[in-house]
Amino acid sequence: MTFETIRAKDIEEYIGKPNTFIIDIRDVDEYSTGHIPTALNIPYLDFDYYKNSILKEWLLILYCDRGNLSLLLARELSKEGYQVKNIYGGLHAYRGVLEY
């Protein structure tokens, strides 16, 4: 399976969609300093623990600080059959969109 990388400015179209989850994979302290609206926090190091409670039919939109770690996780999850999208540039890119 493959996954798609989306632009930060396109995230708004996914917020609030049924069976779509925006997931911030940064640690809890980083998440608490700010995140994309409606994003759940599942830190990268804890993801395997929670993975079994995530249905493969759900769309997961992953991000981290700059998009590198979420890209790795998206690749791994897509190989396991999950529907995944990664935000190119992560939260850094999203915050840049907000400044315009």
N, C-alpha and C. Protein backbone atom coordinates (compact mmCIF):
# COMPACT_ATOMS: atom_id res chain seq x y z
N MET A 1 0.83 -1.19 0.00
CA MET A 1 0.00 0.00 0.00
C MET A 1 0.87 1.25 0.00
N THR A 2 0.29 2.32 -0.43
CA THR A 2 1.00 3.59 -0.43
C THR A 2 0.24 4.59 0.42
N PHE A 3 0.88 5.70 0.66
CA PHE A 3 0.22 6.77 1.40
C PHE A 3 0.47 8.06 0.65
N GLU A 4 -0.30 9.05 1.01
CA GLU A 4 -0.21 10.35 0.36
C GLU A 4 0.36 11.38 1.32
N THR A 5 1.14 12.29 0.79
CA THR A 5 1.62 13.43 1.57
C THR A 5 0.77 14.63 1.15
N ILE A 6 0.22 15.32 2.14
CA ILE A 6 -0.63 16.47 1.84
C ILE A 6 0.04 17.75 2.34
N ARG A 7 -0.38 18.87 1.79
CA ARG A 7 0.15 20.16 2.21
C ARG A 7 -0.56 20.63 3.47
N ALA A 8 0.14 21.37 4.29
CA ALA A 8 -0.43 21.87 5.55
C ALA A 8 -1.67 22.72 5.31
N LYS A 9 -1.68 23.47 4.23
CA LYS A 9 -2.83 24.34 3.97
C LYS A 9 -4.08 23.54 3.62
N ASP A 10 -3.94 22.26 3.29
CA ASP A 10 -5.08 21.43 2.93
C ASP A 10 -5.69 20.72 4.13
N ILE A 11 -5.11 20.85 5.30
CA ILE A 11 -5.58 20.11 6.47
C ILE A 11 -7.00 20.49 6.87
N GLU A 12 -7.38 21.73 6.61
CA GLU A 12 -8.71 22.20 7.00
C GLU A 12 -9.84 21.34 6.42
N GLU A 13 -9.63 20.78 5.24
CA GLU A 13 -10.69 19.99 4.63
C GLU A 13 -10.90 18.64 5.33
N TYR A 14 -9.97 18.24 6.19
CA TYR A 14 -10.08 16.98 6.90
C TYR A 14 -10.60 17.12 8.33
N ILE A 15 -10.51 18.32 8.89
CA ILE A 15 -10.95 18.54 10.26
C ILE A 15 -12.45 18.31 10.37
N GLY A 16 -12.83 17.43 11.27
CA GLY A 16 -14.25 17.14 11.49
C GLY A 16 -14.88 16.11 10.57
N LYS A 17 -14.11 15.56 9.64
CA LYS A 17 -14.67 14.53 8.75
C LYS A 17 -14.84 13.23 9.53
N PRO A 18 -15.93 12.52 9.28
CA PRO A 18 -16.15 11.24 9.98
C PRO A 18 -15.04 10.23 9.67
N ASN A 19 -14.69 9.46 10.66
CA ASN A 19 -13.68 8.41 10.54
C ASN A 19 -12.33 8.91 10.05
N THR A 20 -12.03 10.17 10.33
CA THR A 20 -10.75 10.78 9.98
C THR A 20 -10.14 11.32 11.25
N PHE A 21 -8.90 10.93 11.51
CA PHE A 21 -8.24 11.32 12.74
C PHE A 21 -6.91 11.98 12.43
N ILE A 22 -6.75 13.20 12.91
CA ILE A 22 -5.49 13.92 12.79
C ILE A 22 -4.69 13.57 14.03
N ILE A 23 -3.50 13.04 13.82
CA ILE A 23 -2.72 12.53 14.95
C ILE A 23 -1.36 13.22 15.01
N ASP A 24 -1.13 13.86 16.14
CA ASP A 24 0.14 14.51 16.45
C ASP A 24 1.01 13.47 17.14
N ILE A 25 2.13 13.10 16.52
CA ILE A 25 2.97 12.04 17.09
C ILE A 25 4.13 12.59 17.92
N ARG A 26 4.10 13.89 18.20
CA ARG A 26 5.14 14.46 19.07
C ARG A 26 4.86 14.05 20.51
N ASP A 27 5.83 14.28 21.38
CA ASP A 27 5.61 13.89 22.78
C ASP A 27 4.59 14.83 23.44
N VAL A 28 4.12 14.44 24.60
CA VAL A 28 3.05 15.15 25.30
C VAL A 28 3.42 16.61 25.58
N ASP A 29 4.65 16.87 25.97
CA ASP A 29 5.07 18.24 26.26
C ASP A 29 5.01 19.11 25.01
N GLU A 30 5.46 18.58 23.88
CA GLU A 30 5.41 19.35 22.63
C GLU A 30 3.96 19.60 22.22
N TYR A 31 3.12 18.59 22.35
CA TYR A 31 1.70 18.72 22.00
C TYR A 31 1.04 19.82 22.83
N SER A 32 1.40 19.88 24.11
CA SER A 32 0.77 20.86 25.01
C SER A 32 1.14 22.31 24.67
N THR A 33 2.20 22.50 23.87
CA THR A 33 2.58 23.87 23.49
C THR A 33 1.81 24.36 22.27
N GLY A 34 1.02 23.49 21.68
CA GLY A 34 0.21 23.87 20.52
C GLY A 34 0.13 22.73 19.52
N HIS A 35 -1.03 22.63 18.86
CA HIS A 35 -1.26 21.55 17.90
C HIS A 35 -2.37 21.97 16.93
N ILE A 36 -2.55 21.19 15.91
CA ILE A 36 -3.62 21.42 14.93
C ILE A 36 -4.96 21.14 15.61
N PRO A 37 -5.97 21.98 15.39
CA PRO A 37 -7.27 21.76 16.02
C PRO A 37 -7.79 20.35 15.78
N THR A 38 -8.36 19.76 16.78
CA THR A 38 -8.94 18.40 16.84
C THR A 38 -7.90 17.29 16.82
N ALA A 39 -6.62 17.60 16.75
CA ALA A 39 -5.59 16.56 16.69
C ALA A 39 -5.51 15.78 18.01
N LEU A 40 -5.40 14.48 17.86
CA LEU A 40 -5.16 13.60 19.00
C LEU A 40 -3.65 13.49 19.20
N ASN A 41 -3.24 13.26 20.41
CA ASN A 41 -1.81 13.09 20.67
C ASN A 41 -1.52 11.63 20.97
N ILE A 42 -0.83 10.99 20.05
CA ILE A 42 -0.32 9.64 20.26
C ILE A 42 1.16 9.70 19.94
N PRO A 43 2.00 9.86 20.96
CA PRO A 43 3.44 9.97 20.71
C PRO A 43 3.99 8.79 19.92
N TYR A 44 4.95 9.08 19.09
CA TYR A 44 5.57 8.06 18.23
C TYR A 44 5.99 6.83 19.02
N LEU A 45 6.63 7.04 20.15
CA LEU A 45 7.13 5.91 20.95
C LEU A 45 6.01 5.08 21.56
N ASP A 46 4.81 5.61 21.65
CA ASP A 46 3.66 4.90 22.22
C ASP A 46 2.73 4.34 21.15
N PHE A 47 3.00 4.62 19.89
CA PHE A 47 2.05 4.31 18.83
C PHE A 47 1.74 2.82 18.73
N ASP A 48 2.73 1.96 18.87
CA ASP A 48 2.48 0.52 18.78
C ASP A 48 1.47 0.06 19.82
N TYR A 49 1.50 0.67 20.98
CA TYR A 49 0.57 0.30 22.05
C TYR A 49 -0.88 0.60 21.64
N TYR A 50 -1.11 1.71 20.97
CA TYR A 50 -2.46 2.13 20.59
C TYR A 50 -2.92 1.61 19.23
N LYS A 51 -2.00 1.14 18.44
CA LYS A 51 -2.30 0.77 17.05
C LYS A 51 -3.42 -0.26 16.93
N ASN A 52 -3.47 -1.21 17.84
CA ASN A 52 -4.49 -2.26 17.74
C ASN A 52 -5.91 -1.75 17.97
N SER A 53 -6.06 -0.56 18.52
CA SER A 53 -7.39 0.01 18.72
C SER A 53 -7.81 0.93 17.58
N ILE A 54 -6.98 1.02 16.55
CA ILE A 54 -7.26 1.87 15.39
C ILE A 54 -7.73 0.98 14.24
N LEU A 55 -8.90 1.27 13.73
CA LEU A 55 -9.43 0.49 12.60
C LEU A 55 -8.70 0.87 11.31
N LYS A 56 -8.43 -0.11 10.50
CA LYS A 56 -7.72 0.14 9.24
C LYS A 56 -8.58 0.90 8.24
N GLU A 57 -9.89 0.95 8.46
CA GLU A 57 -10.79 1.69 7.58
C GLU A 57 -10.74 3.19 7.85
N TRP A 58 -10.26 3.58 9.00
CA TRP A 58 -10.18 5.00 9.35
C TRP A 58 -9.04 5.66 8.59
N LEU A 59 -9.19 6.93 8.31
CA LEU A 59 -8.13 7.71 7.68
C LEU A 59 -7.32 8.38 8.79
N LEU A 60 -6.03 8.12 8.80
CA LEU A 60 -5.13 8.71 9.78
C LEU A 60 -4.29 9.77 9.09
N ILE A 61 -4.29 10.97 9.63
CA ILE A 61 -3.46 12.04 9.10
C ILE A 61 -2.42 12.34 10.16
N LEU A 62 -1.18 12.02 9.84
CA LEU A 62 -0.10 12.12 10.81
C LEU A 62 0.73 13.37 10.61
N TYR A 63 1.24 13.89 11.73
CA TYR A 63 2.23 14.96 11.65
C TYR A 63 3.10 14.96 12.89
N CYS A 64 4.27 15.53 12.74
CA CYS A 64 5.21 15.74 13.84
C CYS A 64 5.68 17.19 13.73
N ASP A 65 6.85 17.48 14.21
CA ASP A 65 7.32 18.87 14.17
C ASP A 65 7.60 19.34 12.75
N ARG A 66 8.39 18.57 12.00
CA ARG A 66 8.76 18.98 10.64
C ARG A 66 8.41 17.94 9.57
N GLY A 67 7.79 16.85 9.96
CA GLY A 67 7.30 15.88 8.99
C GLY A 67 8.17 14.66 8.75
N ASN A 68 9.33 14.60 9.35
CA ASN A 68 10.22 13.47 9.09
C ASN A 68 9.79 12.19 9.81
N LEU A 69 9.54 12.29 11.10
CA LEU A 69 9.14 11.12 11.88
C LEU A 69 7.76 10.63 11.46
N SER A 70 6.87 11.54 11.18
CA SER A 70 5.53 11.13 10.74
C SER A 70 5.59 10.46 9.37
N LEU A 71 6.53 10.86 8.54
CA LEU A 71 6.73 10.22 7.24
C LEU A 71 7.14 8.76 7.43
N LEU A 72 8.05 8.51 8.35
CA LEU A 72 8.47 7.13 8.64
C LEU A 72 7.30 6.29 9.15
N LEU A 73 6.52 6.86 10.07
CA LEU A 73 5.39 6.13 10.63
C LEU A 73 4.32 5.90 9.57
N ALA A 74 4.07 6.88 8.73
CA ALA A 74 3.09 6.72 7.65
C ALA A 74 3.49 5.58 6.72
N ARG A 75 4.75 5.52 6.39
CA ARG A 75 5.26 4.45 5.52
C ARG A 75 5.03 3.09 6.18
N GLU A 76 5.35 2.99 7.46
CA GLU A 76 5.18 1.73 8.20
C GLU A 76 3.71 1.32 8.27
N LEU A 77 2.84 2.26 8.64
CA LEU A 77 1.42 1.95 8.78
C LEU A 77 0.77 1.59 7.45
N SER A 78 1.17 2.26 6.38
CA SER A 78 0.59 1.95 5.07
C SER A 78 0.96 0.53 4.65
N LYS A 79 2.15 0.09 4.98
CA LYS A 79 2.55 -1.29 4.68
C LYS A 79 1.71 -2.30 5.44
N GLU A 80 1.18 -1.88 6.59
CA GLU A 80 0.35 -2.76 7.42
C GLU A 80 -1.13 -2.66 7.05
N GLY A 81 -1.45 -1.85 6.04
CA GLY A 81 -2.82 -1.77 5.55
C GLY A 81 -3.66 -0.63 6.08
N TYR A 82 -3.06 0.29 6.82
CA TYR A 82 -3.79 1.45 7.32
C TYR A 82 -3.90 2.51 6.22
N GLN A 83 -4.98 3.29 6.26
CA GLN A 83 -5.15 4.43 5.36
C GLN A 83 -4.48 5.63 6.02
N VAL A 84 -3.43 6.13 5.40
CA VAL A 84 -2.61 7.16 6.03
C VAL A 84 -2.29 8.29 5.06
N LYS A 85 -2.25 9.49 5.63
CA LYS A 85 -1.72 10.67 4.93
C LYS A 85 -0.74 11.33 5.88
N ASN A 86 0.28 11.94 5.33
CA ASN A 86 1.28 12.64 6.13
C ASN A 86 1.27 14.12 5.73
N ILE A 87 1.39 14.99 6.73
CA ILE A 87 1.43 16.43 6.45
C ILE A 87 2.86 16.83 6.15
N TYR A 88 3.11 17.25 4.93
CA TYR A 88 4.44 17.67 4.51
C TYR A 88 4.89 18.89 5.32
N GLY A 89 6.02 18.78 5.97
CA GLY A 89 6.55 19.88 6.77
C GLY A 89 6.02 19.94 8.19
N GLY A 90 5.06 19.06 8.53
CA GLY A 90 4.55 18.95 9.89
C GLY A 90 3.95 20.22 10.46
N LEU A 91 4.02 20.33 11.77
CA LEU A 91 3.44 21.48 12.46
C LEU A 91 4.15 22.77 12.07
N HIS A 92 5.42 22.67 11.77
CA HIS A 92 6.18 23.85 11.33
C HIS A 92 5.53 24.46 10.08
N ALA A 93 5.19 23.63 9.12
CA ALA A 93 4.54 24.10 7.90
C ALA A 93 3.14 24.63 8.20
N TYR A 94 2.42 23.96 9.08
CA TYR A 94 1.07 24.40 9.44
C TYR A 94 1.11 25.78 10.08
N ARG A 95 2.04 25.99 10.98
CA ARG A 95 2.16 27.31 11.61
C ARG A 95 2.52 28.37 10.57
N GLY A 96 3.30 28.03 9.57
CA GLY A 96 3.63 28.95 8.49
C GLY A 96 2.40 29.36 7.70
N VAL A 97 1.47 28.42 7.50
CA VAL A 97 0.22 28.70 6.78
C VAL A 97 -0.59 29.70 7.58
N LEU A 98 -0.60 29.58 8.89
CA LEU A 98 -1.40 30.46 9.74
C LEU A 98 -0.90 31.90 9.68
N GLU A 99 0.37 32.09 9.35
CA GLU A 99 0.96 33.43 9.34
C GLU A 99 0.57 34.21 8.10
N TYR A 100 0.03 33.55 7.07
CA TYR A 100 -0.32 34.25 5.83
C TYR A 100 -1.70 34.85 5.91
